[in-house]
Amino acid sequence: MCKEHVHYEAAFQDYLRSRGVPYVPVDERRRAIFAGARIKSFDFLVYPRSGRHWIVDVKGRRFPYINARGHKQYWENWVGQDDLDSMAEWSHVFGAQFDTRFVFAYLLDGPPNRWPAVRPHYFRERPYAFLSVRLEDYRKYCRQRSPRWNTVAVSRQVFRQIVHAPEADFTSTACGL
């Protein structure tokens, strides 16, 4: 079940609902145990009208992100190594009929001409952009970001090449950024 107080997930749920895309939110309070190991839950099962179904982990970020030095950072896309490992496990569990994806939910700020080239979705009067990347593409290009926090990220240049608006899959048309 989607935690309504987590605005990024709630915004993505609203995005799916507004486009008539069937989905099932996952109750994150229940962690799955496979082969004696606990793995992190994903956020949604999504059923686009065509193509494979999706296993989705929503990653909320601000766009731009203001770092500790006060500098604006665009296209933040880090994830924890445990996120990668858990999503790979879910991919194995669900099999080939599912695509495993991260959906980056960006809360947009600043001038719209700096926003990603996708139509913003307004949720609770705040603009969001949703960008989807397949797990195998993310894994192929990610590099360690922080050994201390055990996080990885894809370079901004490559990330912009491998992500697309989820709506492209819902309508079966391509979308470039």
Protein backbone atom coordinates (compact mmCIF):
# COMPACT_ATOMS: atom_id res chain seq x y z
CA MET A 1 0.00 0.00 0.00
CA CYS A 2 1.40 3.40 -0.96
CA LYS A 3 2.30 5.58 1.98
CA GLU A 4 0.28 8.71 1.25
CA HIS A 5 2.60 10.82 3.42
CA VAL A 6 5.49 10.04 1.06
CA HIS A 7 4.70 12.70 -1.50
CA TYR A 8 6.90 11.32 -4.30
CA GLU A 9 5.15 7.95 -4.25
CA ALA A 10 1.74 9.58 -3.81
CA ALA A 11 2.48 11.87 -6.78
CA PHE A 12 3.46 8.90 -8.96
CA GLN A 13 0.31 7.06 -7.88
CA ASP A 14 -1.74 10.11 -8.88
CA TYR A 15 0.13 10.25 -12.21
CA LEU A 16 -0.78 6.62 -12.95
CA ARG A 17 -4.38 7.11 -11.87
CA SER A 18 -4.79 10.26 -13.99
CA ARG A 19 -3.65 8.35 -17.09
CA GLY A 20 -5.81 5.32 -16.43
CA VAL A 21 -2.82 3.01 -16.03
CA PRO A 22 -3.60 0.00 -13.80
CA TYR A 23 -1.25 -0.46 -10.84
CA VAL A 24 -0.96 -2.16 -7.48
CA PRO A 25 0.78 -0.30 -4.63
CA VAL A 26 2.95 -2.44 -2.36
CA ASP A 27 2.70 -2.48 1.43
CA GLU A 28 6.27 -1.63 2.41
CA ARG A 29 5.65 -2.56 6.03
CA ARG A 30 5.93 -6.20 5.04
CA ARG A 31 9.43 -7.17 3.98
CA ALA A 32 9.82 -10.30 1.94
CA ILE A 33 12.17 -13.09 2.90
CA PHE A 34 13.73 -15.17 0.14
CA ALA A 35 16.30 -17.90 0.79
CA GLY A 36 16.57 -16.67 4.37
CA ALA A 37 17.49 -13.11 3.36
CA ARG A 38 15.27 -10.06 3.74
CA ILE A 39 15.02 -7.89 0.65
CA LYS A 40 13.71 -4.36 0.27
CA SER A 41 10.23 -3.91 -1.07
CA PHE A 42 9.47 -2.16 -4.32
CA ASP A 43 6.69 0.44 -4.56
CA PHE A 44 4.34 -0.54 -7.39
CA LEU A 45 3.39 -3.18 -9.89
CA VAL A 46 2.34 -1.27 -13.02
CA TYR A 47 0.38 -2.74 -15.92
CA PRO A 48 0.87 -0.65 -19.10
CA ARG A 49 -1.60 -1.30 -21.90
CA SER A 50 1.11 -2.84 -24.07
CA GLY A 51 4.45 -4.45 -23.40
CA ARG A 52 5.67 -6.04 -20.23
CA HIS A 53 4.40 -5.24 -16.74
CA TRP A 54 6.65 -3.18 -14.45
CA ILE A 55 8.14 -3.67 -11.01
CA VAL A 56 8.76 -0.08 -9.86
CA ASP A 57 10.86 1.45 -7.12
CA VAL A 58 10.17 5.20 -6.91
CA LYS A 59 13.15 7.41 -6.08
CA GLY A 60 12.19 10.92 -5.05
CA ARG A 61 14.58 13.79 -5.76
CA ARG A 62 14.44 17.56 -6.01
CA PHE A 63 15.24 19.17 -9.36
CA PRO A 64 17.51 20.96 -8.90
CA TYR A 65 19.02 19.62 -5.72
CA ILE A 66 20.91 22.15 -3.60
CA ASN A 67 24.07 20.55 -2.22
CA ALA A 68 25.81 21.30 1.10
CA ARG A 69 27.80 24.13 -0.52
CA GLY A 70 24.65 25.76 -1.87
CA HIS A 71 25.28 24.74 -5.49
CA LYS A 72 22.47 23.53 -7.73
CA GLN A 73 22.81 19.95 -8.93
CA TYR A 74 20.65 18.63 -11.76
CA TRP A 75 19.72 15.05 -12.66
CA GLU A 76 20.47 13.51 -9.24
CA ASN A 77 19.96 9.78 -9.68
CA TRP A 78 21.81 7.95 -6.91
CA VAL A 79 20.43 4.77 -5.38
CA GLY A 80 21.66 2.47 -2.64
CA GLN A 81 23.50 -0.69 -3.56
CA ASP A 82 20.83 -2.54 -1.57
CA ASP A 83 18.20 -1.02 -3.91
CA LEU A 84 20.04 -2.47 -6.91
CA ASP A 85 20.44 -5.86 -5.27
CA SER A 86 16.82 -6.04 -4.10
CA MET A 87 15.41 -5.00 -7.46
CA ALA A 88 17.58 -7.61 -9.19
CA GLU A 89 16.16 -10.22 -6.82
CA TRP A 90 12.60 -9.08 -7.56
CA SER A 91 13.35 -9.27 -11.27
CA HIS A 92 14.39 -12.88 -10.82
CA VAL A 93 11.32 -13.69 -8.70
CA PHE A 94 8.79 -12.19 -11.14
CA GLY A 95 10.49 -13.41 -14.31
CA ALA A 96 10.66 -12.29 -17.91
CA GLN A 97 7.10 -10.96 -18.16
CA PHE A 98 8.10 -8.00 -15.95
CA ASP A 99 10.44 -5.06 -16.53
CA THR A 100 12.18 -3.93 -13.37
CA ARG A 101 12.54 -0.14 -13.22
CA PHE A 102 13.49 2.81 -11.13
CA VAL A 103 11.15 5.75 -11.60
CA PHE A 104 12.80 8.98 -10.55
CA ALA A 105 10.14 11.37 -9.28
CA TYR A 106 11.56 14.87 -9.46
CA LEU A 107 9.89 17.67 -7.52
CA LEU A 108 10.52 20.58 -9.87
CA ASP A 109 11.80 23.94 -8.73
CA GLY A 110 13.36 26.94 -10.41
CA PRO A 111 12.72 28.18 -13.94
CA PRO A 112 10.68 25.81 -16.13
CA ASN A 113 13.19 26.18 -18.99
CA ARG A 114 15.65 24.18 -16.82
CA TRP A 115 13.19 21.35 -16.14
CA PRO A 116 13.36 17.97 -17.90
CA ALA A 117 11.74 17.99 -21.35
CA VAL A 118 8.62 16.16 -20.20
CA ARG A 119 5.16 17.44 -19.43
CA PRO A 120 5.04 18.14 -15.68
CA HIS A 121 2.40 16.43 -13.58
CA TYR A 122 0.86 18.62 -10.89
CA PHE A 123 0.08 16.96 -7.59
CA ARG A 124 -1.17 19.01 -4.65
CA GLU A 125 -0.31 22.11 -6.70
CA ARG A 126 3.36 21.10 -7.03
CA PRO A 127 5.04 20.16 -10.34
CA TYR A 128 6.69 16.75 -10.72
CA ALA A 129 8.54 15.06 -13.57
CA PHE A 130 8.72 11.27 -13.74
CA LEU A 131 11.56 9.53 -15.56
CA SER A 132 11.87 5.78 -15.94
CA VAL A 133 15.02 3.70 -16.35
CA ARG A 134 15.23 -0.06 -16.74
CA LEU A 135 17.22 -1.81 -14.04
CA GLU A 136 19.59 -3.47 -16.51
CA ASP A 137 20.42 -0.10 -18.12
CA TYR A 138 21.00 1.54 -14.75
CA ARG A 139 23.22 -1.33 -13.58
CA LYS A 140 25.24 -1.23 -16.80
CA TYR A 141 26.22 2.42 -16.36
CA CYS A 142 26.21 3.05 -12.60
CA ARG A 143 29.41 3.69 -10.68
CA GLN A 144 30.07 3.97 -6.98
CA ARG A 145 29.12 7.38 -5.65
CA SER A 146 29.80 7.01 -1.94
CA PRO A 147 31.53 4.08 -0.27
CA ARG A 148 30.46 5.47 3.10
CA TRP A 149 26.75 5.45 2.20
CA ASN A 150 27.06 2.48 -0.19
CA THR A 151 25.42 4.39 -3.05
CA VAL A 152 25.84 4.33 -6.81
CA ALA A 153 24.86 6.76 -9.58
CA VAL A 154 24.95 7.15 -13.34
CA SER A 155 26.73 10.15 -14.87
CA ARG A 156 24.27 12.92 -15.72
CA GLN A 157 25.13 12.75 -19.43
CA VAL A 158 24.50 9.00 -19.67
CA PHE A 159 21.46 9.16 -17.39
CA ARG A 160 19.77 11.62 -19.74
CA GLN A 161 20.30 9.12 -22.57
CA ILE A 162 18.87 6.07 -20.78
CA VAL A 163 15.79 7.57 -19.09
CA HIS A 164 12.45 8.43 -20.62
CA ALA A 165 9.03 9.56 -19.53
CA PRO A 166 6.91 6.59 -18.43
CA GLU A 167 4.13 8.01 -20.57
CA ALA A 168 6.12 6.95 -23.64
CA ASP A 169 5.45 3.33 -22.65
CA PHE A 170 1.84 4.00 -21.73
CA THR A 171 1.12 5.47 -25.17
CA SER A 172 3.64 3.36 -27.15
CA THR A 173 5.47 6.41 -28.51
CA ALA A 174 9.13 7.22 -27.97
CA CYS A 175 10.26 10.23 -25.98
CA GLY A 176 13.74 11.68 -25.86
CA LEU A 177 15.22 14.12 -23.38
